[in-house]
N, C-alpha and C. Protein backbone atom coordinates (compact mmCIF):
# COMPACT_ATOMS: atom_id res chain seq x y z
N MET A 1 0.86 -1.20 0.02
CA MET A 1 0.00 0.00 -0.01
C MET A 1 0.89 1.25 -0.01
N VAL A 2 0.58 2.24 -0.81
CA VAL A 2 1.36 3.44 -0.92
C VAL A 2 1.11 4.33 0.26
N LYS A 3 2.16 4.73 0.93
CA LYS A 3 2.04 5.65 2.08
C LYS A 3 1.62 7.02 1.59
N PRO A 4 0.55 7.58 2.18
CA PRO A 4 0.09 8.89 1.67
C PRO A 4 1.06 9.99 2.07
N VAL A 5 0.99 11.08 1.38
CA VAL A 5 1.83 12.25 1.75
C VAL A 5 1.33 12.77 3.07
N THR A 6 2.20 13.44 3.77
CA THR A 6 1.83 14.04 5.06
C THR A 6 0.98 15.27 4.80
N GLY A 7 0.33 15.75 5.87
CA GLY A 7 -0.47 16.95 5.75
C GLY A 7 0.39 18.14 5.33
N ALA A 8 1.60 18.22 5.88
CA ALA A 8 2.49 19.31 5.53
C ALA A 8 2.91 19.25 4.04
N GLN A 9 3.20 18.02 3.58
CA GLN A 9 3.56 17.86 2.16
C GLN A 9 2.42 18.21 1.25
N GLN A 10 1.20 17.83 1.65
CA GLN A 10 0.00 18.16 0.84
C GLN A 10 -0.19 19.64 0.76
N ARG A 11 0.02 20.35 1.86
CA ARG A 11 -0.13 21.83 1.86
C ARG A 11 0.94 22.47 0.95
N ILE A 12 2.14 21.91 0.95
CA ILE A 12 3.22 22.44 0.11
C ILE A 12 2.82 22.25 -1.40
N ILE A 13 2.30 21.07 -1.70
CA ILE A 13 1.90 20.81 -3.08
C ILE A 13 0.77 21.74 -3.52
N GLU A 14 -0.21 21.91 -2.64
CA GLU A 14 -1.34 22.78 -3.00
C GLU A 14 -0.94 24.25 -3.14
N ALA A 15 0.14 24.62 -2.43
CA ALA A 15 0.59 26.01 -2.45
C ALA A 15 1.63 26.29 -3.55
N ALA A 16 1.89 25.31 -4.42
CA ALA A 16 2.86 25.50 -5.50
C ALA A 16 2.44 26.68 -6.38
N GLU A 17 3.45 27.38 -6.87
CA GLU A 17 3.19 28.54 -7.72
C GLU A 17 2.39 28.13 -8.99
N PRO A 18 1.35 28.87 -9.32
CA PRO A 18 0.62 28.54 -10.54
C PRO A 18 1.52 28.66 -11.79
N GLY A 19 1.35 27.78 -12.69
CA GLY A 19 2.15 27.84 -13.91
C GLY A 19 3.47 27.16 -13.82
N THR A 20 4.33 27.60 -12.90
CA THR A 20 5.66 27.00 -12.79
C THR A 20 5.72 25.76 -11.94
N GLY A 21 4.81 25.68 -10.95
CA GLY A 21 4.84 24.55 -10.04
C GLY A 21 5.97 24.61 -9.02
N ARG A 22 6.55 25.80 -8.81
CA ARG A 22 7.63 25.92 -7.84
C ARG A 22 7.09 25.74 -6.43
N LEU A 23 7.92 25.04 -5.61
CA LEU A 23 7.52 24.69 -4.26
C LEU A 23 8.29 25.45 -3.22
N SER A 24 7.67 25.65 -2.06
CA SER A 24 8.34 26.25 -0.91
C SER A 24 8.11 25.33 0.30
N GLY A 25 9.13 25.16 1.08
CA GLY A 25 9.07 24.31 2.24
C GLY A 25 10.44 24.09 2.86
N THR A 26 10.48 23.30 3.94
CA THR A 26 11.76 23.01 4.51
C THR A 26 12.54 22.02 3.66
N ALA A 27 13.84 21.95 3.85
CA ALA A 27 14.67 21.06 3.05
C ALA A 27 14.21 19.62 3.20
N ALA A 28 13.85 19.22 4.44
CA ALA A 28 13.42 17.85 4.67
C ALA A 28 12.08 17.56 3.91
N GLN A 29 11.18 18.50 3.96
CA GLN A 29 9.90 18.32 3.28
C GLN A 29 10.07 18.21 1.79
N LEU A 30 10.91 19.08 1.23
CA LEU A 30 11.12 19.04 -0.21
C LEU A 30 11.86 17.77 -0.64
N ASP A 31 12.86 17.37 0.18
CA ASP A 31 13.57 16.11 -0.13
C ASP A 31 12.61 14.95 -0.14
N GLY A 32 11.63 14.93 0.80
CA GLY A 32 10.68 13.86 0.80
C GLY A 32 9.83 13.82 -0.45
N LEU A 33 9.45 14.98 -0.97
CA LEU A 33 8.66 15.02 -2.20
C LEU A 33 9.51 14.55 -3.41
N VAL A 34 10.79 14.95 -3.42
CA VAL A 34 11.67 14.49 -4.50
C VAL A 34 11.83 12.98 -4.49
N ARG A 35 12.00 12.40 -3.28
CA ARG A 35 12.17 10.93 -3.18
C ARG A 35 10.90 10.20 -3.67
N ARG A 36 9.77 10.78 -3.47
CA ARG A 36 8.51 10.15 -3.89
C ARG A 36 8.23 10.38 -5.40
N GLY A 37 9.06 11.15 -6.07
CA GLY A 37 8.84 11.42 -7.47
C GLY A 37 7.78 12.47 -7.71
N LEU A 38 7.45 13.26 -6.68
CA LEU A 38 6.41 14.32 -6.81
C LEU A 38 7.05 15.67 -7.09
N ALA A 39 8.36 15.78 -6.95
CA ALA A 39 9.07 17.02 -7.20
C ALA A 39 10.44 16.72 -7.79
N PHE A 40 11.03 17.72 -8.41
CA PHE A 40 12.41 17.57 -8.88
C PHE A 40 13.16 18.87 -8.57
N ARG A 41 14.48 18.79 -8.52
CA ARG A 41 15.28 19.99 -8.21
C ARG A 41 15.90 20.56 -9.48
N HIS A 42 15.83 21.89 -9.56
CA HIS A 42 16.48 22.61 -10.66
C HIS A 42 17.99 22.36 -10.56
N PRO A 43 18.70 22.09 -11.70
CA PRO A 43 20.10 21.78 -11.63
C PRO A 43 21.00 22.95 -11.26
N ARG A 44 20.51 24.17 -11.31
CA ARG A 44 21.35 25.31 -10.97
C ARG A 44 20.98 25.87 -9.63
N PRO A 45 21.96 26.45 -8.88
CA PRO A 45 21.65 27.10 -7.61
C PRO A 45 20.58 28.16 -7.84
N PRO A 46 19.66 28.33 -6.89
CA PRO A 46 19.61 27.72 -5.56
C PRO A 46 18.92 26.35 -5.51
N HIS A 47 18.83 25.64 -6.62
CA HIS A 47 18.27 24.30 -6.68
C HIS A 47 16.83 24.26 -6.16
N ALA A 48 16.03 25.16 -6.67
CA ALA A 48 14.62 25.19 -6.31
C ALA A 48 13.90 23.90 -6.71
N CYS A 49 12.82 23.61 -6.03
CA CYS A 49 12.06 22.40 -6.33
C CYS A 49 10.77 22.76 -7.09
N PHE A 50 10.40 21.89 -8.05
CA PHE A 50 9.19 22.09 -8.85
C PHE A 50 8.44 20.77 -8.89
N LEU A 51 7.13 20.87 -9.09
CA LEU A 51 6.30 19.66 -9.19
C LEU A 51 6.61 18.89 -10.46
N THR A 52 6.64 17.57 -10.34
CA THR A 52 6.69 16.70 -11.51
C THR A 52 5.25 16.50 -12.03
N PRO A 53 5.08 15.82 -13.17
CA PRO A 53 3.69 15.50 -13.60
C PRO A 53 2.89 14.78 -12.54
N ALA A 54 3.53 13.88 -11.79
CA ALA A 54 2.83 13.17 -10.72
C ALA A 54 2.40 14.14 -9.62
N GLY A 55 3.25 15.11 -9.32
CA GLY A 55 2.90 16.10 -8.31
C GLY A 55 1.75 16.96 -8.77
N HIS A 56 1.72 17.32 -10.05
CA HIS A 56 0.60 18.08 -10.56
C HIS A 56 -0.68 17.29 -10.48
N ARG A 57 -0.60 15.99 -10.82
CA ARG A 57 -1.82 15.18 -10.74
C ARG A 57 -2.35 15.10 -9.30
N LEU A 58 -1.44 15.00 -8.34
CA LEU A 58 -1.86 14.96 -6.95
C LEU A 58 -2.48 16.30 -6.52
N ARG A 59 -1.93 17.39 -6.97
CA ARG A 59 -2.49 18.71 -6.65
C ARG A 59 -3.89 18.88 -7.23
N GLU A 60 -4.09 18.24 -8.43
CA GLU A 60 -5.37 18.37 -9.08
C GLU A 60 -6.39 17.41 -8.55
N GLY A 61 -6.02 16.56 -7.58
CA GLY A 61 -6.98 15.69 -6.93
C GLY A 61 -6.92 14.24 -7.31
N ASP A 62 -5.97 13.86 -8.21
CA ASP A 62 -5.84 12.45 -8.58
C ASP A 62 -5.05 11.75 -7.53
N ALA A 63 -5.15 10.40 -7.54
CA ALA A 63 -4.43 9.60 -6.55
C ALA A 63 -2.95 9.68 -6.83
N PRO A 64 -2.11 9.73 -5.76
CA PRO A 64 -0.66 9.76 -5.96
C PRO A 64 -0.15 8.48 -6.56
N VAL A 65 0.91 8.56 -7.29
CA VAL A 65 1.53 7.38 -7.88
C VAL A 65 2.42 6.69 -6.88
N SER A 66 2.73 5.44 -7.17
CA SER A 66 3.65 4.71 -6.28
C SER A 66 5.02 5.28 -6.36
N PRO A 67 5.80 5.18 -5.27
CA PRO A 67 7.20 5.69 -5.34
C PRO A 67 7.98 4.87 -6.33
N PRO A 68 9.02 5.49 -6.93
CA PRO A 68 9.85 4.74 -7.89
C PRO A 68 10.64 3.63 -7.16
N PRO A 69 10.99 2.56 -7.91
CA PRO A 69 11.79 1.50 -7.29
C PRO A 69 13.09 2.04 -6.75
N PRO A 70 13.70 1.39 -5.76
CA PRO A 70 14.92 1.89 -5.14
C PRO A 70 16.05 2.10 -6.11
N ASP A 71 16.13 1.27 -7.17
CA ASP A 71 17.24 1.40 -8.09
C ASP A 71 16.92 2.26 -9.31
N CYS A 72 15.80 2.95 -9.24
CA CYS A 72 15.42 3.81 -10.36
C CYS A 72 15.55 5.25 -9.98
N PRO A 73 16.42 6.03 -10.64
CA PRO A 73 16.62 7.41 -10.26
C PRO A 73 15.32 8.21 -10.39
N VAL A 74 15.08 9.10 -9.44
CA VAL A 74 13.93 10.03 -9.54
C VAL A 74 14.21 11.06 -10.61
N PRO A 75 13.26 11.35 -11.50
CA PRO A 75 13.49 12.37 -12.51
C PRO A 75 14.01 13.64 -11.91
N GLY A 76 15.10 14.17 -12.48
CA GLY A 76 15.67 15.42 -11.99
C GLY A 76 16.71 15.24 -10.92
N GLU A 77 16.85 14.02 -10.35
CA GLU A 77 17.86 13.82 -9.31
C GLU A 77 19.24 13.74 -9.91
N ARG A 78 20.18 14.40 -9.29
CA ARG A 78 21.55 14.45 -9.82
C ARG A 78 22.54 13.99 -8.76
N PRO A 79 23.61 13.32 -9.13
CA PRO A 79 24.68 13.02 -8.19
C PRO A 79 25.25 14.35 -7.71
N ALA A 80 25.64 14.42 -6.47
CA ALA A 80 26.13 15.67 -5.87
C ALA A 80 27.61 15.80 -6.22
N GLN A 81 27.89 16.29 -7.42
CA GLN A 81 29.26 16.57 -7.80
C GLN A 81 29.30 17.83 -8.65
N ASP A 82 30.12 18.78 -8.25
CA ASP A 82 30.23 20.04 -8.97
C ASP A 82 28.88 20.72 -9.16
N GLY A 83 27.97 20.57 -8.18
CA GLY A 83 26.69 21.23 -8.24
C GLY A 83 25.67 20.53 -9.14
N GLY A 84 25.95 19.37 -9.69
CA GLY A 84 24.98 18.69 -10.51
C GLY A 84 25.62 17.58 -11.36
N PHE A 85 24.74 16.87 -12.07
CA PHE A 85 25.20 15.79 -12.92
C PHE A 85 25.97 16.36 -14.11
N ARG A 86 27.14 15.78 -14.40
CA ARG A 86 27.94 16.23 -15.55
C ARG A 86 28.08 15.04 -16.54
N ALA A 87 27.48 15.28 -17.68
CA ALA A 87 27.55 14.26 -18.72
C ALA A 87 28.96 14.08 -19.23
N ARG A 88 29.24 12.92 -19.73
CA ARG A 88 30.59 12.65 -20.29
C ARG A 88 30.67 13.25 -21.67
N THR A 89 31.72 14.05 -21.89
CA THR A 89 31.88 14.77 -23.16
C THR A 89 32.91 14.08 -24.07
N GLY A 90 33.56 13.00 -23.59
CA GLY A 90 34.56 12.32 -24.39
C GLY A 90 35.96 12.73 -24.05
N GLY A 91 36.13 13.54 -23.05
CA GLY A 91 37.48 13.98 -22.61
C GLY A 91 38.11 13.04 -21.62
N GLN A 92 39.37 13.26 -21.30
CA GLN A 92 40.13 12.38 -20.42
C GLN A 92 39.60 12.35 -19.00
N ASP A 93 38.93 13.41 -18.58
CA ASP A 93 38.44 13.48 -17.20
C ASP A 93 37.05 12.94 -17.02
N ASP A 94 36.51 12.23 -18.06
CA ASP A 94 35.18 11.64 -17.93
C ASP A 94 35.15 10.58 -16.83
N PRO A 95 34.05 10.49 -16.08
CA PRO A 95 33.90 9.39 -15.11
C PRO A 95 33.68 8.08 -15.86
N PRO A 96 33.88 6.95 -15.19
CA PRO A 96 33.69 5.65 -15.85
C PRO A 96 32.21 5.40 -16.20
N GLY A 97 32.02 4.55 -17.18
CA GLY A 97 30.67 4.20 -17.60
C GLY A 97 30.11 3.03 -16.81
N GLY A 98 29.21 2.28 -17.43
CA GLY A 98 28.58 1.15 -16.75
C GLY A 98 27.08 1.32 -16.63
N ALA A 99 26.41 0.27 -16.18
CA ALA A 99 24.94 0.28 -16.08
C ALA A 99 24.45 1.32 -15.11
N ALA A 100 25.10 1.47 -13.95
CA ALA A 100 24.65 2.45 -12.98
C ALA A 100 24.79 3.86 -13.54
N ARG A 101 25.90 4.12 -14.23
CA ARG A 101 26.10 5.45 -14.85
C ARG A 101 25.04 5.74 -15.88
N LEU A 102 24.71 4.75 -16.70
CA LEU A 102 23.70 4.96 -17.69
C LEU A 102 22.35 5.29 -17.07
N ARG A 103 22.00 4.60 -15.99
CA ARG A 103 20.73 4.94 -15.26
C ARG A 103 20.79 6.36 -14.78
N GLU A 104 21.92 6.81 -14.26
CA GLU A 104 22.02 8.20 -13.79
C GLU A 104 21.82 9.17 -14.95
N ALA A 105 22.43 8.88 -16.08
CA ALA A 105 22.33 9.77 -17.27
C ALA A 105 20.87 9.82 -17.74
N ARG A 106 20.19 8.71 -17.76
CA ARG A 106 18.80 8.69 -18.20
C ARG A 106 17.92 9.39 -17.22
N GLY A 107 18.22 9.27 -15.89
CA GLY A 107 17.47 9.99 -14.92
C GLY A 107 17.68 11.51 -15.05
N ALA A 108 18.93 11.92 -15.32
CA ALA A 108 19.21 13.33 -15.50
C ALA A 108 18.51 13.87 -16.72
N TRP A 109 18.47 13.09 -17.79
CA TRP A 109 17.80 13.53 -19.02
C TRP A 109 16.29 13.66 -18.79
N SER A 110 15.70 12.73 -18.03
CA SER A 110 14.29 12.86 -17.67
C SER A 110 14.02 14.11 -16.91
N GLY A 111 14.96 14.43 -15.96
CA GLY A 111 14.78 15.68 -15.22
C GLY A 111 14.91 16.88 -16.09
N MET A 112 15.81 16.83 -17.07
CA MET A 112 15.99 17.98 -17.98
C MET A 112 14.73 18.19 -18.82
N ARG A 113 14.15 17.14 -19.27
CA ARG A 113 12.90 17.28 -20.06
C ARG A 113 11.80 17.84 -19.20
N GLU A 114 11.78 17.44 -17.92
CA GLU A 114 10.75 18.02 -17.04
C GLU A 114 11.04 19.51 -16.80
N LEU A 115 12.34 19.85 -16.70
CA LEU A 115 12.70 21.27 -16.53
C LEU A 115 12.27 22.08 -17.77
N ARG A 116 12.40 21.50 -18.94
CA ARG A 116 11.91 22.16 -20.16
C ARG A 116 10.43 22.42 -20.05
N ARG A 117 9.69 21.42 -19.64
CA ARG A 117 8.25 21.54 -19.57
C ARG A 117 7.84 22.60 -18.56
N MET A 118 8.51 22.62 -17.43
CA MET A 118 8.15 23.56 -16.36
C MET A 118 8.51 24.98 -16.65
N THR A 119 9.48 25.18 -17.54
CA THR A 119 9.96 26.58 -17.76
C THR A 119 9.44 27.13 -19.09
N ARG A 120 8.55 26.48 -19.77
CA ARG A 120 7.95 26.97 -20.97
C ARG A 120 6.48 27.18 -20.77
N ALA A 121 5.97 28.28 -21.27
CA ALA A 121 4.56 28.59 -21.05
C ALA A 121 3.64 27.54 -21.65
N ASP A 122 4.07 26.96 -22.78
CA ASP A 122 3.22 25.96 -23.47
C ASP A 122 3.47 24.54 -22.95
N GLY A 123 4.44 24.36 -22.03
CA GLY A 123 4.74 23.02 -21.52
C GLY A 123 5.42 22.11 -22.46
N ALA A 124 5.93 22.62 -23.60
CA ALA A 124 6.58 21.78 -24.60
C ALA A 124 7.96 21.34 -24.13
N THR A 125 8.37 20.16 -24.58
CA THR A 125 9.69 19.60 -24.22
C THR A 125 10.61 19.49 -25.40
N GLY A 126 10.20 19.95 -26.55
CA GLY A 126 11.00 19.77 -27.76
C GLY A 126 12.00 20.88 -28.04
N ARG A 127 12.17 21.82 -27.13
CA ARG A 127 13.13 22.90 -27.29
C ARG A 127 14.02 22.96 -26.06
N LEU A 128 15.27 23.43 -26.23
CA LEU A 128 16.18 23.54 -25.12
C LEU A 128 15.68 24.61 -24.14
N CYS A 129 15.93 24.38 -22.85
CA CYS A 129 15.58 25.34 -21.85
C CYS A 129 16.74 26.32 -21.66
N GLY A 130 16.55 27.30 -20.77
CA GLY A 130 17.56 28.31 -20.54
C GLY A 130 18.85 27.74 -20.06
N TRP A 131 18.77 26.77 -19.13
CA TRP A 131 20.01 26.17 -18.57
C TRP A 131 20.81 25.49 -19.69
N GLU A 132 20.15 24.78 -20.57
CA GLU A 132 20.83 24.09 -21.66
C GLU A 132 21.52 25.07 -22.58
N ARG A 133 20.86 26.17 -22.85
CA ARG A 133 21.44 27.19 -23.76
C ARG A 133 22.66 27.84 -23.18
N GLN A 134 22.77 27.83 -21.84
CA GLN A 134 23.94 28.39 -21.20
C GLN A 134 25.04 27.35 -21.00
N HIS A 135 24.74 26.09 -21.22
CA HIS A 135 25.74 25.00 -21.04
C HIS A 135 25.59 24.02 -22.21
N LEU A 136 25.87 24.52 -23.40
CA LEU A 136 25.59 23.77 -24.61
C LEU A 136 26.39 22.47 -24.68
N VAL A 137 27.67 22.46 -24.30
CA VAL A 137 28.46 21.24 -24.37
C VAL A 137 27.88 20.18 -23.46
N ARG A 138 27.59 20.55 -22.23
CA ARG A 138 27.03 19.60 -21.25
C ARG A 138 25.67 19.11 -21.71
N ALA A 139 24.87 20.02 -22.27
CA ALA A 139 23.53 19.65 -22.70
C ALA A 139 23.53 18.64 -23.86
N ALA A 140 24.38 18.90 -24.86
CA ALA A 140 24.46 17.95 -25.96
C ALA A 140 25.06 16.63 -25.51
N ALA A 141 26.05 16.67 -24.66
CA ALA A 141 26.66 15.42 -24.16
C ALA A 141 25.65 14.60 -23.40
N LEU A 142 24.77 15.26 -22.63
CA LEU A 142 23.76 14.52 -21.85
C LEU A 142 22.82 13.79 -22.79
N VAL A 143 22.40 14.43 -23.86
CA VAL A 143 21.50 13.76 -24.81
C VAL A 143 22.13 12.48 -25.36
N LEU A 144 23.40 12.59 -25.75
CA LEU A 144 24.10 11.44 -26.34
C LEU A 144 24.33 10.33 -25.31
N GLU A 145 24.76 10.73 -24.15
CA GLU A 145 25.04 9.72 -23.12
C GLU A 145 23.75 9.01 -22.66
N ALA A 146 22.67 9.77 -22.48
CA ALA A 146 21.41 9.14 -22.10
C ALA A 146 20.86 8.20 -23.12
N ALA A 147 21.23 8.44 -24.42
CA ALA A 147 20.79 7.53 -25.49
C ALA A 147 21.64 6.28 -25.57
N GLY A 148 22.70 6.20 -24.75
CA GLY A 148 23.50 4.98 -24.69
C GLY A 148 24.71 4.97 -25.57
N PHE A 149 25.06 6.12 -26.19
CA PHE A 149 26.24 6.15 -27.06
C PHE A 149 27.50 6.30 -26.20
N PRO A 150 28.52 5.46 -26.40
CA PRO A 150 29.73 5.61 -25.63
C PRO A 150 30.61 6.74 -26.15
N PRO A 151 31.12 7.57 -25.27
CA PRO A 151 32.00 8.65 -25.68
C PRO A 151 33.40 8.15 -26.04
N ALA A 152 34.22 9.05 -26.56
CA ALA A 152 35.59 8.66 -26.94
C ALA A 152 36.41 8.21 -25.74
N SER A 153 36.07 8.67 -24.54
CA SER A 153 36.81 8.26 -23.35
C SER A 153 36.53 6.80 -22.99
N GLU A 154 35.52 6.20 -23.59
CA GLU A 154 35.16 4.81 -23.26
C GLU A 154 35.59 3.82 -24.31
N GLU A 155 35.47 4.23 -25.60
CA GLU A 155 35.86 3.27 -26.63
C GLU A 155 36.34 4.06 -27.89
N PRO A 156 37.25 3.47 -28.65
CA PRO A 156 37.71 4.13 -29.88
C PRO A 156 36.56 4.36 -30.82
N GLY A 157 36.53 5.50 -31.45
CA GLY A 157 35.42 5.79 -32.35
C GLY A 157 34.25 6.45 -31.70
N GLY A 158 34.31 6.65 -30.37
CA GLY A 158 33.24 7.35 -29.70
C GLY A 158 33.30 8.85 -30.00
N TYR A 159 32.32 9.57 -29.48
CA TYR A 159 32.19 11.01 -29.77
C TYR A 159 32.95 11.84 -28.75
N ARG A 160 33.25 13.04 -29.17
CA ARG A 160 33.74 14.08 -28.27
C ARG A 160 32.97 15.36 -28.55
N VAL A 161 32.38 15.92 -27.52
CA VAL A 161 31.62 17.16 -27.64
C VAL A 161 32.48 18.32 -27.17
N SER A 162 32.60 19.36 -27.96
CA SER A 162 33.46 20.49 -27.59
C SER A 162 32.86 21.80 -28.07
N GLU A 163 33.39 22.90 -27.56
CA GLU A 163 32.96 24.22 -27.96
C GLU A 163 33.45 24.54 -29.36
N THR A 164 32.85 25.52 -29.97
CA THR A 164 33.26 25.98 -31.30
C THR A 164 33.40 27.50 -31.25
N PRO A 165 34.04 28.10 -32.26
CA PRO A 165 34.09 29.59 -32.29
C PRO A 165 32.70 30.19 -32.37
N GLN A 166 31.72 29.46 -32.82
CA GLN A 166 30.35 29.99 -32.86
C GLN A 166 29.76 29.97 -31.46
N PRO A 167 29.20 31.06 -30.98
CA PRO A 167 28.71 31.10 -29.61
C PRO A 167 27.53 30.19 -29.32
N ASP A 168 26.78 29.81 -30.35
CA ASP A 168 25.56 29.02 -30.14
C ASP A 168 25.62 27.65 -30.73
N ALA A 169 26.82 27.09 -30.90
CA ALA A 169 26.96 25.74 -31.52
C ALA A 169 28.07 24.96 -30.83
N VAL A 170 27.91 23.66 -30.83
CA VAL A 170 28.94 22.74 -30.31
C VAL A 170 29.31 21.78 -31.45
N GLU A 171 30.48 21.21 -31.31
CA GLU A 171 30.98 20.21 -32.28
C GLU A 171 30.94 18.85 -31.69
N VAL A 172 30.43 17.90 -32.47
CA VAL A 172 30.41 16.48 -32.09
C VAL A 172 31.23 15.73 -33.11
N ARG A 173 32.37 15.24 -32.65
CA ARG A 173 33.32 14.65 -33.59
C ARG A 173 33.70 13.26 -33.15
N PRO A 174 33.75 12.28 -34.08
CA PRO A 174 34.21 10.96 -33.71
C PRO A 174 35.74 10.99 -33.50
N VAL A 175 36.19 10.18 -32.54
CA VAL A 175 37.64 10.17 -32.21
C VAL A 175 38.10 8.71 -32.34
N GLY A 176 39.03 8.43 -33.22
CA GLY A 176 39.57 7.12 -33.30
C GLY A 176 38.97 6.24 -34.37
N GLY A 177 38.27 6.84 -35.32
CA GLY A 177 37.84 6.08 -36.47
C GLY A 177 36.40 5.62 -36.53
N ALA A 178 35.47 6.42 -35.95
CA ALA A 178 34.09 6.05 -36.08
C ALA A 178 33.65 6.21 -37.51
N PRO A 179 32.86 5.27 -38.07
CA PRO A 179 32.46 5.35 -39.45
C PRO A 179 31.54 6.56 -39.70
N PRO A 180 31.66 7.19 -40.84
CA PRO A 180 30.86 8.41 -41.11
C PRO A 180 29.35 8.20 -40.92
N GLU A 181 28.84 7.03 -41.27
CA GLU A 181 27.40 6.81 -41.17
C GLU A 181 26.94 6.89 -39.72
N ARG A 182 27.83 6.53 -38.78
CA ARG A 182 27.42 6.65 -37.39
C ARG A 182 27.17 8.10 -37.00
N VAL A 183 27.99 9.00 -37.51
CA VAL A 183 27.78 10.42 -37.27
C VAL A 183 26.57 10.91 -37.99
N ASP A 184 26.44 10.56 -39.25
CA ASP A 184 25.36 11.10 -40.08
C ASP A 184 23.98 10.61 -39.63
N GLU A 185 23.92 9.43 -39.04
CA GLU A 185 22.61 8.87 -38.74
C GLU A 185 22.30 8.87 -37.25
N ALA A 186 23.03 8.13 -36.47
CA ALA A 186 22.64 7.90 -35.08
C ALA A 186 22.78 9.15 -34.22
N TRP A 187 23.96 9.73 -34.16
CA TRP A 187 24.14 10.89 -33.33
C TRP A 187 23.25 12.05 -33.80
N SER A 188 23.23 12.28 -35.09
CA SER A 188 22.45 13.36 -35.66
C SER A 188 20.96 13.19 -35.36
N ARG A 189 20.45 12.01 -35.58
CA ARG A 189 19.01 11.76 -35.32
C ARG A 189 18.67 11.97 -33.86
N THR A 190 19.55 11.48 -32.95
CA THR A 190 19.28 11.63 -31.52
C THR A 190 19.23 13.08 -31.12
N LEU A 191 20.20 13.87 -31.59
CA LEU A 191 20.23 15.28 -31.23
C LEU A 191 19.05 16.02 -31.84
N THR A 192 18.72 15.70 -33.06
CA THR A 192 17.59 16.38 -33.71
C THR A 192 16.32 16.13 -32.96
N GLU A 193 16.09 14.89 -32.51
CA GLU A 193 14.88 14.53 -31.79
C GLU A 193 14.84 15.22 -30.43
N ALA A 194 16.00 15.63 -29.91
CA ALA A 194 16.07 16.27 -28.60
C ALA A 194 16.02 17.81 -28.69
N GLY A 195 15.76 18.35 -29.89
CA GLY A 195 15.59 19.79 -30.02
C GLY A 195 16.76 20.52 -30.57
N TRP A 196 17.74 19.80 -31.17
CA TRP A 196 18.93 20.45 -31.73
C TRP A 196 18.77 20.54 -33.24
N GLN A 197 19.41 21.55 -33.80
CA GLN A 197 19.53 21.68 -35.26
C GLN A 197 20.94 21.24 -35.66
N VAL A 198 21.04 20.24 -36.49
CA VAL A 198 22.35 19.59 -36.73
C VAL A 198 22.71 19.75 -38.20
N SER A 199 23.96 20.10 -38.47
CA SER A 199 24.49 20.15 -39.81
C SER A 199 25.75 19.27 -39.91
N HIS A 200 26.03 18.77 -41.08
CA HIS A 200 27.10 17.81 -41.31
C HIS A 200 28.27 18.45 -42.06
N HIS A 201 29.47 18.16 -41.59
CA HIS A 201 30.64 18.80 -42.15
C HIS A 201 31.78 17.81 -42.32
N GLN A 202 32.73 18.17 -43.14
CA GLN A 202 33.94 17.37 -43.34
C GLN A 202 35.15 18.22 -42.94
N GLY A 203 35.82 17.81 -41.91
CA GLY A 203 36.94 18.58 -41.41
C GLY A 203 38.21 18.37 -42.22
N VAL A 204 39.14 19.30 -42.10
CA VAL A 204 40.47 19.24 -42.72
C VAL A 204 41.54 19.06 -41.70
N ARG A 205 41.51 19.90 -40.67
CA ARG A 205 42.48 19.83 -39.57
C ARG A 205 41.73 19.89 -38.25
N PRO A 206 41.45 18.73 -37.65
CA PRO A 206 41.72 17.37 -38.13
C PRO A 206 40.75 16.93 -39.21
N ALA A 207 41.18 15.95 -39.97
CA ALA A 207 40.37 15.43 -41.08
C ALA A 207 39.26 14.55 -40.53
N GLY A 208 38.20 14.46 -41.30
CA GLY A 208 37.12 13.54 -40.97
C GLY A 208 35.76 14.23 -40.73
N PRO A 209 34.72 13.46 -40.70
CA PRO A 209 33.39 14.02 -40.56
C PRO A 209 33.11 14.51 -39.12
N TYR A 210 32.25 15.51 -39.00
CA TYR A 210 31.82 15.93 -37.68
C TYR A 210 30.47 16.65 -37.82
N LEU A 211 29.83 16.86 -36.69
CA LEU A 211 28.55 17.52 -36.65
C LEU A 211 28.67 18.88 -35.95
N LEU A 212 27.90 19.85 -36.40
CA LEU A 212 27.69 21.09 -35.66
C LEU A 212 26.23 21.07 -35.16
N ALA A 213 26.04 21.25 -33.87
CA ALA A 213 24.72 21.21 -33.30
C ALA A 213 24.44 22.52 -32.58
N SER A 214 23.29 23.08 -32.83
CA SER A 214 22.88 24.34 -32.17
C SER A 214 21.40 24.21 -31.78
N PRO A 215 20.98 24.97 -30.77
CA PRO A 215 19.57 24.89 -30.35
C PRO A 215 18.60 25.23 -31.50
N ARG A 216 17.58 24.41 -31.67
CA ARG A 216 16.62 24.68 -32.72
C ARG A 216 15.84 25.98 -32.37
N ARG A 217 15.63 26.78 -33.37
CA ARG A 217 14.94 28.06 -33.13
C ARG A 217 13.45 27.84 -32.93
N ASP A 218 12.84 28.64 -32.06
CA ASP A 218 11.39 28.59 -31.86
C ASP A 218 10.63 29.12 -33.06
């Protein structure tokens, strides 16, 4: 049987800001809502909490959903490192991969999509949010890692995401001999579906195919 929310938690949910779903309460109360999957934390300081779709349903009078399984990350939950989850970009300082890491990346991506929904007036999730536009390399790397693509730090031929001279674009380049079709099809399609505008290029120095990805215009 699902344990109901406390009276204090219910009042916090009902008092959420209209439109944004932003919550106010003690740290313990908000943490409890995050653990139940009824709230998520914004990845940037001051790490404010917002209602998830389950939290909105509860506020609207629907029955609360069951808590997520212990091994399933709550949408929006981030490992506490450098102020938030950092996707692997293909550099030498990337953390190791593995099944647990992939679950974390997918949980972070779910939270990012929820952040998109909560910060857009129309609730759409197909465009980058403000945080992503300010951290383009990390945002693009999160999309690729959550999709299960190994970066260059994990296997030869993986991707590396880096800045470009263009202020609104990042470069996604295979390192170590990834076949061109992998760039043209899999990485490009994944980024496009996540709200990026992707163009294909052939480099000279260094040689080889690469992608330029920028936020899709509204």
